[in-house]
Amino acid sequence: MSIRILTGVAAAIAFCSFAAHAQHTDRSATNYDTPVGELTVRSGQPGPRAYAPPPPFAQLSGGKGYISEADAQAYDLLANDFIHADDNRDGRISQAEYARWASTPR
């Protein structure tokens, strides 16, 4: 047998041995035995954030007739959706655009 085959077999055995030590208690955590003790790896997504309802247009616009991208930073959801709320892509959200955006379910 060649060295490459033996190396491949050794690597496969080591991998299978390591995988056999993994204990799956649930889908979000896995435990591994290591030379210095047990290692637990947890994974998952954070839960959804709760947001207050959209603030009034006048509050975000500061008395202007539009909401700028800087103004939108005061409400995370609008800042995240600014390009979608700005229907005519003029860099400003009008009161009508804001009303349409605010009425869209999230």
PDB file of N, CA and C in Angstrom:
ATOM      1  N   MET A   1       0.836  -1.197   0.000  1.00  0.00           N
ATOM      2  CA  MET A   1       0.000   0.000   0.000  1.00  0.00           C
ATOM      3  C   MET A   1       0.871   1.247   0.000  1.00  0.00           C
ATOM      4  N   SER A   2       0.363   2.225  -0.622  1.00  0.00           N
ATOM      5  CA  SER A   2       1.164   3.440  -0.682  1.00  0.00           C
ATOM      6  C   SER A   2       0.921   4.299   0.561  1.00  0.00           C
ATOM      7  N   ILE A   3       1.792   5.260   0.751  1.00  0.00           N
ATOM      8  CA  ILE A   3       1.699   6.173   1.892  1.00  0.00           C
ATOM      9  C   ILE A   3       0.410   6.991   1.819  1.00  0.00           C
ATOM     10  N   ARG A   4       0.000   7.399   0.615  1.00  0.00           N
ATOM     11  CA  ARG A   4      -1.218   8.209   0.464  1.00  0.00           C
ATOM     12  C   ARG A   4      -2.442   7.444   0.939  1.00  0.00           C
ATOM     13  N   ILE A   5      -2.542   6.198   0.587  1.00  0.00           N
ATOM     14  CA  ILE A   5      -3.698   5.396   1.007  1.00  0.00           C
ATOM     15  C   ILE A   5      -3.692   5.238   2.514  1.00  0.00           C
ATOM     16  N   LEU A   6      -2.532   4.927   3.088  1.00  0.00           N
ATOM     17  CA  LEU A   6      -2.440   4.775   4.539  1.00  0.00           C
ATOM     18  C   LEU A   6      -2.775   6.085   5.256  1.00  0.00           C
ATOM     19  N   THR A   7      -2.309   7.194   4.713  1.00  0.00           N
ATOM     20  CA  THR A   7      -2.620   8.488   5.318  1.00  0.00           C
ATOM     21  C   THR A   7      -4.119   8.767   5.242  1.00  0.00           C
ATOM     22  N   GLY A   8      -4.737   8.459   4.109  1.00  0.00           N
ATOM     23  CA  GLY A   8      -6.181   8.653   3.959  1.00  0.00           C
ATOM     24  C   GLY A   8      -6.969   7.788   4.917  1.00  0.00           C
ATOM     25  N   VAL A   9      -6.565   6.534   5.071  1.00  0.00           N
ATOM     26  CA  VAL A   9      -7.240   5.626   5.998  1.00  0.00           C
ATOM     27  C   VAL A   9      -7.081   6.125   7.425  1.00  0.00           C
ATOM     28  N   ALA A  10      -5.888   6.569   7.790  1.00  0.00           N
ATOM     29  CA  ALA A  10      -5.646   7.085   9.141  1.00  0.00           C
ATOM     30  C   ALA A  10      -6.503   8.324   9.402  1.00  0.00           C
ATOM     31  N   ALA A  11      -6.601   9.196   8.414  1.00  0.00           N
ATOM     32  CA  ALA A  11      -7.414  10.395   8.574  1.00  0.00           C
ATOM     33  C   ALA A  11      -8.888  10.036   8.737  1.00  0.00           C
ATOM     34  N   ALA A  12      -9.370   9.077   7.964  1.00  0.00           N
ATOM     35  CA  ALA A  12     -10.766   8.644   8.067  1.00  0.00           C
ATOM     36  C   ALA A  12     -11.046   8.036   9.432  1.00  0.00           C
ATOM     37  N   ILE A  13     -10.131   7.232   9.931  1.00  0.00           N
ATOM     38  CA  ILE A  13     -10.310   6.626  11.255  1.00  0.00           C
ATOM     39  C   ILE A  13     -10.326   7.698  12.332  1.00  0.00           C
ATOM     40  N   ALA A  14      -9.419   8.659  12.233  1.00  0.00           N
ATOM     41  CA  ALA A  14      -9.381   9.739  13.222  1.00  0.00           C
ATOM     42  C   ALA A  14     -10.665  10.546  13.181  1.00  0.00           C
ATOM     43  N   PHE A  15     -11.164  10.839  11.980  1.00  0.00           N
ATOM     44  CA  PHE A  15     -12.400  11.606  11.848  1.00  0.00           C
ATOM     45  C   PHE A  15     -13.574  10.843  12.456  1.00  0.00           C
ATOM     46  N   CYS A  16     -13.677   9.555  12.140  1.00  0.00           N
ATOM     47  CA  CYS A  16     -14.779   8.744  12.677  1.00  0.00           C
ATOM     48  C   CYS A  16     -14.686   8.637  14.187  1.00  0.00           C
ATOM     49  N   SER A  17     -13.474   8.521  14.696  1.00  0.00           N
ATOM     50  CA  SER A  17     -13.285   8.442  16.140  1.00  0.00           C
ATOM     51  C   SER A  17     -13.726   9.735  16.807  1.00  0.00           C
ATOM     52  N   PHE A  18     -13.352  10.881  16.211  1.00  0.00           N
ATOM     53  CA  PHE A  18     -13.737  12.184  16.759  1.00  0.00           C
ATOM     54  C   PHE A  18     -15.250  12.362  16.702  1.00  0.00           C
ATOM     55  N   ALA A  19     -15.851  11.987  15.576  1.00  0.00           N
ATOM     56  CA  ALA A  19     -17.300  12.123  15.415  1.00  0.00           C
ATOM     57  C   ALA A  19     -18.051  11.216  16.377  1.00  0.00           C
ATOM     58  N   ALA A  20     -17.493  10.062  16.677  1.00  0.00           N
ATOM     59  CA  ALA A  20     -18.150   9.131  17.586  1.00  0.00           C
ATOM     60  C   ALA A  20     -18.213   9.693  19.000  1.00  0.00           C
ATOM     61  N   HIS A  21     -17.277  10.584  19.332  1.00  0.00           N
ATOM     62  CA  HIS A  21     -17.266  11.164  20.675  1.00  0.00           C
ATOM     63  C   HIS A  21     -18.293  12.279  20.835  1.00  0.00           C
ATOM     64  N   ALA A  22     -18.785  12.789  19.741  1.00  0.00           N
ATOM     65  CA  ALA A  22     -19.777  13.867  19.812  1.00  0.00           C
ATOM     66  C   ALA A  22     -21.082  13.315  20.373  1.00  0.00           C
ATOM     67  N   GLN A  23     -21.610  14.022  21.353  1.00  0.00           N
ATOM     68  CA  GLN A  23     -22.861  13.600  21.977  1.00  0.00           C
ATOM     69  C   GLN A  23     -23.918  14.634  21.615  1.00  0.00           C
ATOM     70  N   HIS A  24     -24.951  14.212  20.920  1.00  0.00           N
ATOM     71  CA  HIS A  24     -25.996  15.136  20.488  1.00  0.00           C
ATOM     72  C   HIS A  24     -27.155  15.079  21.472  1.00  0.00           C
ATOM     73  N   THR A  25     -27.201  16.041  22.398  1.00  0.00           N
ATOM     74  CA  THR A  25     -28.292  16.098  23.357  1.00  0.00           C
ATOM     75  C   THR A  25     -29.497  16.830  22.781  1.00  0.00           C
ATOM     76  N   ASP A  26     -29.255  17.817  21.949  1.00  0.00           N
ATOM     77  CA  ASP A  26     -30.317  18.485  21.197  1.00  0.00           C
ATOM     78  C   ASP A  26     -29.693  19.125  19.964  1.00  0.00           C
ATOM     79  N   ARG A  27     -30.503  19.720  19.134  1.00  0.00           N
ATOM     80  CA  ARG A  27     -30.002  20.242  17.856  1.00  0.00           C
ATOM     81  C   ARG A  27     -29.191  21.516  18.027  1.00  0.00           C
ATOM     82  N   SER A  28     -29.270  22.190  19.174  1.00  0.00           N
ATOM     83  CA  SER A  28     -28.572  23.456  19.328  1.00  0.00           C
ATOM     84  C   SER A  28     -27.280  23.343  20.126  1.00  0.00           C
ATOM     85  N   ALA A  29     -26.959  22.167  20.657  1.00  0.00           N
ATOM     86  CA  ALA A  29     -25.734  22.002  21.431  1.00  0.00           C
ATOM     87  C   ALA A  29     -25.119  20.637  21.144  1.00  0.00           C
ATOM     88  N   THR A  30     -23.800  20.618  21.057  1.00  0.00           N
ATOM     89  CA  THR A  30     -23.064  19.380  20.836  1.00  0.00           C
ATOM     90  C   THR A  30     -21.862  19.385  21.761  1.00  0.00           C
ATOM     91  N   ASN A  31     -21.595  18.254  22.381  1.00  0.00           N
ATOM     92  CA  ASN A  31     -20.462  18.122  23.289  1.00  0.00           C
ATOM     93  C   ASN A  31     -19.374  17.270  22.648  1.00  0.00           C
ATOM     94  N   TYR A  32     -18.128  17.691  22.836  1.00  0.00           N
ATOM     95  CA  TYR A  32     -16.982  16.948  22.333  1.00  0.00           C
ATOM     96  C   TYR A  32     -15.996  16.734  23.472  1.00  0.00           C
ATOM     97  N   ASP A  33     -15.429  15.542  23.553  1.00  0.00           N
ATOM     98  CA  ASP A  33     -14.356  15.275  24.495  1.00  0.00           C
ATOM     99  C   ASP A  33     -13.060  15.752  23.858  1.00  0.00           C
ATOM    100  N   THR A  34     -12.303  16.558  24.597  1.00  0.00           N
ATOM    101  CA  THR A  34     -11.017  17.046  24.109  1.00  0.00           C
ATOM    102  C   THR A  34      -9.952  16.650  25.121  1.00  0.00           C
ATOM    103  N   PRO A  35      -8.698  16.752  24.786  1.00  0.00           N
ATOM    104  CA  PRO A  35      -7.640  16.398  25.735  1.00  0.00           C
ATOM    105  C   PRO A  35      -7.658  17.242  27.012  1.00  0.00           C
ATOM    106  N   VAL A  36      -8.240  18.436  26.958  1.00  0.00           N
ATOM    107  CA  VAL A  36      -8.275  19.290  28.147  1.00  0.00           C
ATOM    108  C   VAL A  36      -9.655  19.330  28.805  1.00  0.00           C
ATOM    109  N   GLY A  37     -10.571  18.501  28.381  1.00  0.00           N
ATOM    110  CA  GLY A  37     -11.907  18.450  28.973  1.00  0.00           C
ATOM    111  C   GLY A  37     -12.986  18.504  27.910  1.00  0.00           C
ATOM    112  N   GLU A  38     -14.215  18.577  28.379  1.00  0.00           N
ATOM    113  CA  GLU A  38     -15.341  18.587  27.448  1.00  0.00           C
ATOM    114  C   GLU A  38     -15.552  19.978  26.863  1.00  0.00           C
ATOM    115  N   LEU A  39     -15.875  20.025  25.580  1.00  0.00           N
ATOM    116  CA  LEU A  39     -16.169  21.266  24.873  1.00  0.00           C
ATOM    117  C   LEU A  39     -17.617  21.207  24.425  1.00  0.00           C
ATOM    118  N   THR A  40     -18.410  22.219  24.780  1.00  0.00           N
ATOM    119  CA  THR A  40     -19.804  22.307  24.347  1.00  0.00           C
ATOM    120  C   THR A  40     -19.925  23.420  23.324  1.00  0.00           C
ATOM    121  N   VAL A  41     -20.482  23.096  22.159  1.00  0.00           N
ATOM    122  CA  VAL A  41     -20.707  24.073  21.101  1.00  0.00           C
ATOM    123  C   VAL A  41     -22.206  24.276  20.983  1.00  0.00           C
ATOM    124  N   ARG A  42     -22.640  25.523  21.139  1.00  0.00           N
ATOM    125  CA  ARG A  42     -24.062  25.860  21.024  1.00  0.00           C
ATOM    126  C   ARG A  42     -24.245  26.761  19.809  1.00  0.00           C
ATOM    127  N   SER A  43     -25.349  26.572  19.120  1.00  0.00           N
ATOM    128  CA  SER A  43     -25.639  27.421  17.975  1.00  0.00           C
ATOM    129  C   SER A  43     -27.130  27.684  17.910  1.00  0.00           C
ATOM    130  N   GLY A  44     -27.487  28.715  17.182  1.00  0.00           N
ATOM    131  CA  GLY A  44     -28.896  29.043  17.005  1.00  0.00           C
ATOM    132  C   GLY A  44     -29.070  30.503  16.654  1.00  0.00           C
ATOM    133  N   GLN A  45     -30.280  30.886  16.413  1.00  0.00           N
ATOM    134  CA  GLN A  45     -30.615  32.256  16.069  1.00  0.00           C
ATOM    135  C   GLN A  45     -31.249  32.944  17.264  1.00  0.00           C
ATOM    136  N   PRO A  46     -30.983  34.225  17.445  1.00  0.00           N
ATOM    137  CA  PRO A  46     -31.655  34.944  18.527  1.00  0.00           C
ATOM    138  C   PRO A  46     -33.138  35.073  18.214  1.00  0.00           C
ATOM    139  N   GLY A  47     -33.923  35.253  19.229  1.00  0.00           N
ATOM    140  CA  GLY A  47     -35.351  35.445  19.042  1.00  0.00           C
ATOM    141  C   GLY A  47     -35.631  36.782  18.386  1.00  0.00           C
ATOM    142  N   PRO A  48     -36.818  36.949  17.852  1.00  0.00           N
ATOM    143  CA  PRO A  48     -37.148  38.219  17.198  1.00  0.00           C
ATOM    144  C   PRO A  48     -37.213  39.361  18.211  1.00  0.00           C
ATOM    145  N   ARG A  49     -36.769  40.532  17.783  1.00  0.00           N
ATOM    146  CA  ARG A  49     -36.846  41.708  18.644  1.00  0.00           C
ATOM    147  C   ARG A  49     -38.256  42.258  18.611  1.00  0.00           C
ATOM    148  N   ALA A  50     -38.661  42.820  19.705  1.00  0.00           N
ATOM    149  CA  ALA A  50     -39.972  43.470  19.768  1.00  0.00           C
ATOM    150  C   ALA A  50     -39.774  44.958  19.486  1.00  0.00           C
ATOM    151  N   TYR A  51     -40.565  45.498  18.596  1.00  0.00           N
ATOM    152  CA  TYR A  51     -40.476  46.911  18.246  1.00  0.00           C
ATOM    153  C   TYR A  51     -41.784  47.597  18.590  1.00  0.00           C
ATOM    154  N   ALA A  52     -41.660  48.848  18.977  1.00  0.00           N
ATOM    155  CA  ALA A  52     -42.845  49.671  19.201  1.00  0.00           C
ATOM    156  C   ALA A  52     -43.469  49.980  17.839  1.00  0.00           C
ATOM    157  N   PRO A  53     -44.733  50.363  17.822  1.00  0.00           N
ATOM    158  CA  PRO A  53     -45.345  50.743  16.548  1.00  0.00           C
ATOM    159  C   PRO A  53     -44.602  51.932  15.933  1.00  0.00           C
ATOM    160  N   PRO A  54     -44.712  52.115  14.625  1.00  0.00           N
ATOM    161  CA  PRO A  54     -44.028  53.237  13.983  1.00  0.00           C
ATOM    162  C   PRO A  54     -44.450  54.573  14.602  1.00  0.00           C
ATOM    163  N   PRO A  55     -43.478  55.439  14.865  1.00  0.00           N
ATOM    164  CA  PRO A  55     -43.819  56.748  15.439  1.00  0.00           C
ATOM    165  C   PRO A  55     -44.533  57.621  14.409  1.00  0.00           C
ATOM    166  N   PRO A  56     -45.187  58.673  14.855  1.00  0.00           N
ATOM    167  CA  PRO A  56     -45.863  59.573  13.917  1.00  0.00           C
ATOM    168  C   PRO A  56     -44.862  60.200  12.935  1.00  0.00           C
ATOM    169  N   PHE A  57     -45.345  60.494  11.729  1.00  0.00           N
ATOM    170  CA  PHE A  57     -44.519  61.102  10.689  1.00  0.00           C
ATOM    171  C   PHE A  57     -43.862  62.385  11.198  1.00  0.00           C
ATOM    172  N   ALA A  58     -44.627  63.235  11.865  1.00  0.00           N
ATOM    173  CA  ALA A  58     -44.109  64.531  12.332  1.00  0.00           C
ATOM    174  C   ALA A  58     -42.938  64.351  13.294  1.00  0.00           C
ATOM    175  N   GLN A  59     -42.984  63.306  14.096  1.00  0.00           N
ATOM    176  CA  GLN A  59     -41.896  63.059  15.050  1.00  0.00           C
ATOM    177  C   GLN A  59     -40.589  62.725  14.318  1.00  0.00           C
ATOM    178  N   LEU A  60     -40.671  61.897  13.295  1.00  0.00           N
ATOM    179  CA  LEU A  60     -39.468  61.520  12.560  1.00  0.00           C
ATOM    180  C   LEU A  60     -38.989  62.616  11.617  1.00  0.00           C
ATOM    181  N   SER A  61     -39.925  63.355  11.031  1.00  0.00           N
ATOM    182  CA  SER A  61     -39.540  64.379  10.052  1.00  0.00           C
ATOM    183  C   SER A  61     -39.027  65.650  10.710  1.00  0.00           C
ATOM    184  N   GLY A  62     -39.316  65.823  11.980  1.00  0.00           N
ATOM    185  CA  GLY A  62     -38.856  67.027  12.679  1.00  0.00           C
ATOM    186  C   GLY A  62     -39.506  68.294  12.159  1.00  0.00           C
ATOM    187  N   GLY A  63     -40.736  68.168  11.665  1.00  0.00           N
ATOM    188  CA  GLY A  63     -41.458  69.339  11.168  1.00  0.00           C
ATOM    189  C   GLY A  63     -41.249  69.601   9.683  1.00  0.00           C
ATOM    190  N   LYS A  64     -40.324  68.875   9.064  1.00  0.00           N
ATOM    191  CA  LYS A  64     -40.125  69.025   7.617  1.00  0.00           C
ATOM    192  C   LYS A  64     -41.230  68.232   6.918  1.00  0.00           C
ATOM    193  N   GLY A  65     -41.311  68.344   5.637  1.00  0.00           N
ATOM    194  CA  GLY A  65     -42.320  67.616   4.872  1.00  0.00           C
ATOM    195  C   GLY A  65     -41.826  66.252   4.410  1.00  0.00           C
ATOM    196  N   TYR A  66     -40.693  65.806   4.917  1.00  0.00           N
ATOM    197  CA  TYR A  66     -40.119  64.522   4.507  1.00  0.00           C
ATOM    198  C   TYR A  66     -39.243  63.958   5.620  1.00  0.00           C
ATOM    199  N   ILE A  67     -38.907  62.692   5.476  1.00  0.00           N
ATOM    200  CA  ILE A  67     -37.975  62.025   6.393  1.00  0.00           C
ATOM    201  C   ILE A  67     -36.716  61.708   5.586  1.00  0.00           C
ATOM    202  N   SER A  68     -35.595  62.204   6.054  1.00  0.00           N
ATOM    203  CA  SER A  68     -34.325  61.908   5.385  1.00  0.00           C
ATOM    204  C   SER A  68     -33.794  60.570   5.904  1.00  0.00           C
ATOM    205  N   GLU A  69     -32.754  60.078   5.255  1.00  0.00           N
ATOM    206  CA  GLU A  69     -32.149  58.828   5.712  1.00  0.00           C
ATOM    207  C   GLU A  69     -31.585  58.996   7.121  1.00  0.00           C
ATOM    208  N   ALA A  70     -31.047  60.164   7.434  1.00  0.00           N
ATOM    209  CA  ALA A  70     -30.539  60.433   8.784  1.00  0.00           C
ATOM    210  C   ALA A  70     -31.686  60.453   9.800  1.00  0.00           C
ATOM    211  N   ASP A  71     -32.829  61.036   9.424  1.00  0.00           N
ATOM    212  CA  ASP A  71     -34.001  61.064  10.312  1.00  0.00           C
ATOM    213  C   ASP A  71     -34.500  59.657  10.591  1.00  0.00           C
ATOM    214  N   ALA A  72     -34.442  58.791   9.587  1.00  0.00           N
ATOM    215  CA  ALA A  72     -34.957  57.421   9.716  1.00  0.00           C
ATOM    216  C   ALA A  72     -34.180  56.602  10.732  1.00  0.00           C
ATOM    217  N   GLN A  73     -32.963  57.015  11.051  1.00  0.00           N
ATOM    218  CA  GLN A  73     -32.145  56.273  12.020  1.00  0.00           C
ATOM    219  C   GLN A  73     -32.792  56.242  13.413  1.00  0.00           C
ATOM    220  N   ALA A  74     -33.740  57.126  13.662  1.00  0.00           N
ATOM    221  CA  ALA A  74     -34.419  57.159  14.959  1.00  0.00           C
ATOM    222  C   ALA A  74     -35.354  55.962  15.160  1.00  0.00           C
ATOM    223  N   TYR A  75     -35.696  55.272  14.083  1.00  0.00           N
ATOM    224  CA  TYR A  75     -36.566  54.090  14.174  1.00  0.00           C
ATOM    225  C   TYR A  75     -35.915  52.988  13.342  1.00  0.00           C
ATOM    226  N   ASP A  76     -35.339  51.987  14.023  1.00  0.00           N
ATOM    227  CA  ASP A  76     -34.539  50.939  13.379  1.00  0.00           C
ATOM    228  C   ASP A  76     -35.216  50.294  12.174  1.00  0.00           C
ATOM    229  N   LEU A  77     -36.491  49.980  12.287  1.00  0.00           N
ATOM    230  CA  LEU A  77     -37.167  49.305  11.188  1.00  0.00           C
ATOM    231  C   LEU A  77     -37.230  50.183   9.936  1.00  0.00           C
ATOM    232  N   LEU A  78     -37.474  51.463  10.115  1.00  0.00           N
ATOM    233  CA  LEU A  78     -37.515  52.370   8.967  1.00  0.00           C
ATOM    234  C   LEU A  78     -36.113  52.556   8.391  1.00  0.00           C
ATOM    235  N   ALA A  79     -35.121  52.663   9.240  1.00  0.00           N
ATOM    236  CA  ALA A  79     -33.745  52.801   8.762  1.00  0.00           C
ATOM    237  C   ALA A  79     -33.352  51.583   7.927  1.00  0.00           C
ATOM    238  N   ASN A  80     -33.771  50.422   8.368  1.00  0.00           N
ATOM    239  CA  ASN A  80     -33.469  49.180   7.653  1.00  0.00           C
ATOM    240  C   ASN A  80     -34.219  49.098   6.320  1.00  0.00           C
ATOM    241  N   ASP A  81     -35.420  49.655   6.275  1.00  0.00           N
ATOM    242  CA  ASP A  81     -36.273  49.582   5.078  1.00  0.00           C
ATOM    243  C   ASP A  81     -36.285  50.879   4.270  1.00  0.00           C
ATOM    244  N   PHE A  82     -35.379  51.791   4.552  1.00  0.00           N
ATOM    245  CA  PHE A  82     -35.453  53.126   3.947  1.00  0.00           C
ATOM    246  C   PHE A  82     -35.583  53.067   2.422  1.00  0.00           C
ATOM    247  N   ILE A  83     -34.756  52.291   1.778  1.00  0.00           N
ATOM    248  CA  ILE A  83     -34.782  52.235   0.312  1.00  0.00           C
ATOM    249  C   ILE A  83     -36.126  51.705  -0.214  1.00  0.00           C
ATOM    250  N   HIS A  84     -36.780  50.846   0.569  1.00  0.00           N
ATOM    251  CA  HIS A  84     -38.074  50.305   0.153  1.00  0.00           C
ATOM    252  C   HIS A  84     -39.217  51.281   0.450  1.00  0.00           C
ATOM    253  N   ALA A  85     -39.067  52.038   1.521  1.00  0.00           N
ATOM    254  CA  ALA A  85     -40.100  53.015   1.856  1.00  0.00           C
ATOM    255  C   ALA A  85     -40.060  54.218   0.916  1.00  0.00           C
ATOM    256  N   ASP A  86     -38.885  54.522   0.387  1.00  0.00           N
ATOM    257  CA  ASP A  86     -38.723  55.649  -0.537  1.00  0.00           C
ATOM    258  C   ASP A  86     -39.102  55.184  -1.947  1.00  0.00           C
ATOM    259  N   ASP A  87     -40.404  55.130  -2.219  1.00  0.00           N
ATOM    260  CA  ASP A  87     -40.915  54.581  -3.483  1.00  0.00           C
ATOM    261  C   ASP A  87     -40.334  55.240  -4.732  1.00  0.00           C
ATOM    262  N   ASN A  88     -40.221  56.564  -4.728  1.00  0.00           N
ATOM    263  CA  ASN A  88     -39.755  57.251  -5.940  1.00  0.00           C
ATOM    264  C   ASN A  88     -38.239  57.448  -5.960  1.00  0.00           C
ATOM    265  N   ARG A  89     -37.542  56.918  -4.987  1.00  0.00           N
ATOM    266  CA  ARG A  89     -36.075  56.931  -4.911  1.00  0.00           C
ATOM    267  C   ARG A  89     -35.469  58.341  -5.021  1.00  0.00           C
ATOM    268  N   ASP A  90     -36.121  59.288  -4.328  1.00  0.00           N
ATOM    269  CA  ASP A  90     -35.579  60.643  -4.343  1.00  0.00           C
ATOM    270  C   ASP A  90     -34.726  60.942  -3.106  1.00  0.00           C
ATOM    271  N   GLY A  91     -34.502  59.921  -2.260  1.00  0.00           N
ATOM    272  CA  GLY A  91     -33.680  60.104  -1.066  1.00  0.00           C
ATOM    273  C   GLY A  91     -34.449  60.660   0.115  1.00  0.00           C
ATOM    274  N   ARG A  92     -35.764  60.786  -0.035  1.00  0.00           N
ATOM    275  CA  ARG A  92     -36.632  61.309   1.023  1.00  0.00           C
ATOM    276  C   ARG A  92     -37.896  60.459   1.081  1.00  0.00           C
ATOM    277  N   ILE A  93     -38.444  60.341   2.275  1.00  0.00           N
ATOM    278  CA  ILE A  93     -39.715  59.638   2.440  1.00  0.00           C
ATOM    279  C   ILE A  93     -40.787  60.684   2.715  1.00  0.00           C
ATOM    280  N   SER A  94     -41.754  60.777   1.810  1.00  0.00           N
ATOM    281  CA  SER A  94     -42.853  61.733   1.984  1.00  0.00           C
ATOM    282  C   SER A  94     -43.854  61.165   2.994  1.00  0.00           C
ATOM    283  N   GLN A  95     -44.809  61.997   3.375  1.00  0.00           N
ATOM    284  CA  GLN A  95     -45.824  61.539   4.319  1.00  0.00           C
ATOM    285  C   GLN A  95     -46.636  60.397   3.718  1.00  0.00           C
ATOM    286  N   ALA A  96     -46.955  60.463   2.428  1.00  0.00           N
ATOM    287  CA  ALA A  96     -47.711  59.385   1.779  1.00  0.00           C
ATOM    288  C   ALA A  96     -46.878  58.100   1.721  1.00  0.00           C
ATOM    289  N   GLU A  97     -45.600  58.218   1.390  1.00  0.00           N
ATOM    290  CA  GLU A  97     -44.724  57.035   1.355  1.00  0.00           C
ATOM    291  C   GLU A  97     -44.616  56.414   2.747  1.00  0.00           C
ATOM    292  N   TYR A  98     -44.498  57.269   3.768  1.00  0.00           N
ATOM    293  CA  TYR A  98     -44.396  56.765   5.141  1.00  0.00           C
ATOM    294  C   TYR A  98     -45.682  56.056   5.554  1.00  0.00           C
ATOM    295  N   ALA A  99     -46.819  56.636   5.225  1.00  0.00           N
ATOM    296  CA  ALA A  99     -48.100  56.024   5.577  1.00  0.00           C
ATOM    297  C   ALA A  99     -48.231  54.657   4.909  1.00  0.00           C
ATOM    298  N   ARG A 100     -47.824  54.557   3.654  1.00  0.00           N
ATOM    299  CA  ARG A 100     -47.869  53.274   2.935  1.00  0.00           C
ATOM    300  C   ARG A 100     -46.920  52.264   3.592  1.00  0.00           C
ATOM    301  N   TRP A 101     -45.710  52.707   3.932  1.00  0.00           N
ATOM    302  CA  TRP A 101     -44.737  51.822   4.570  1.00  0.00           C
ATOM    303  C   TRP A 101     -45.231  51.370   5.946  1.00  0.00           C
ATOM    304  N   ALA A 102     -45.756  52.302   6.732  1.00  0.00           N
ATOM    305  CA  ALA A 102     -46.203  51.998   8.095  1.00  0.00           C
ATOM    306  C   ALA A 102     -47.398  51.055   8.121  1.00  0.00           C
ATOM    307  N   SER A 103     -48.199  51.052   7.042  1.00  0.00           N
ATOM    308  CA  SER A 103     -49.379  50.179   7.005  1.00  0.00           C
ATOM    309  C   SER A 103     -49.055  48.765   6.529  1.00  0.00           C
ATOM    310  N   THR A 104     -47.822  48.538   6.070  1.00  0.00           N
ATOM    311  CA  THR A 104     -47.405  47.219   5.623  1.00  0.00           C
ATOM    312  C   THR A 104     -47.106  46.338   6.827  1.00  0.00           C
ATOM    313  N   PRO A 105     -47.711  45.135   6.900  1.00  0.00           N
ATOM    314  CA  PRO A 105     -47.440  44.264   8.046  1.00  0.00           C
ATOM    315  C   PRO A 105     -45.975  43.838   8.080  1.00  0.00           C
ATOM    316  N   ARG A 106     -45.433  43.702   9.261  1.00  0.00           N
ATOM    317  CA  ARG A 106     -44.053  43.251   9.456  1.00  0.00           C
ATOM    318  C   ARG A 106     -44.025  41.963  10.197  1.00  0.00           C
TER     319      ARG A 106
END
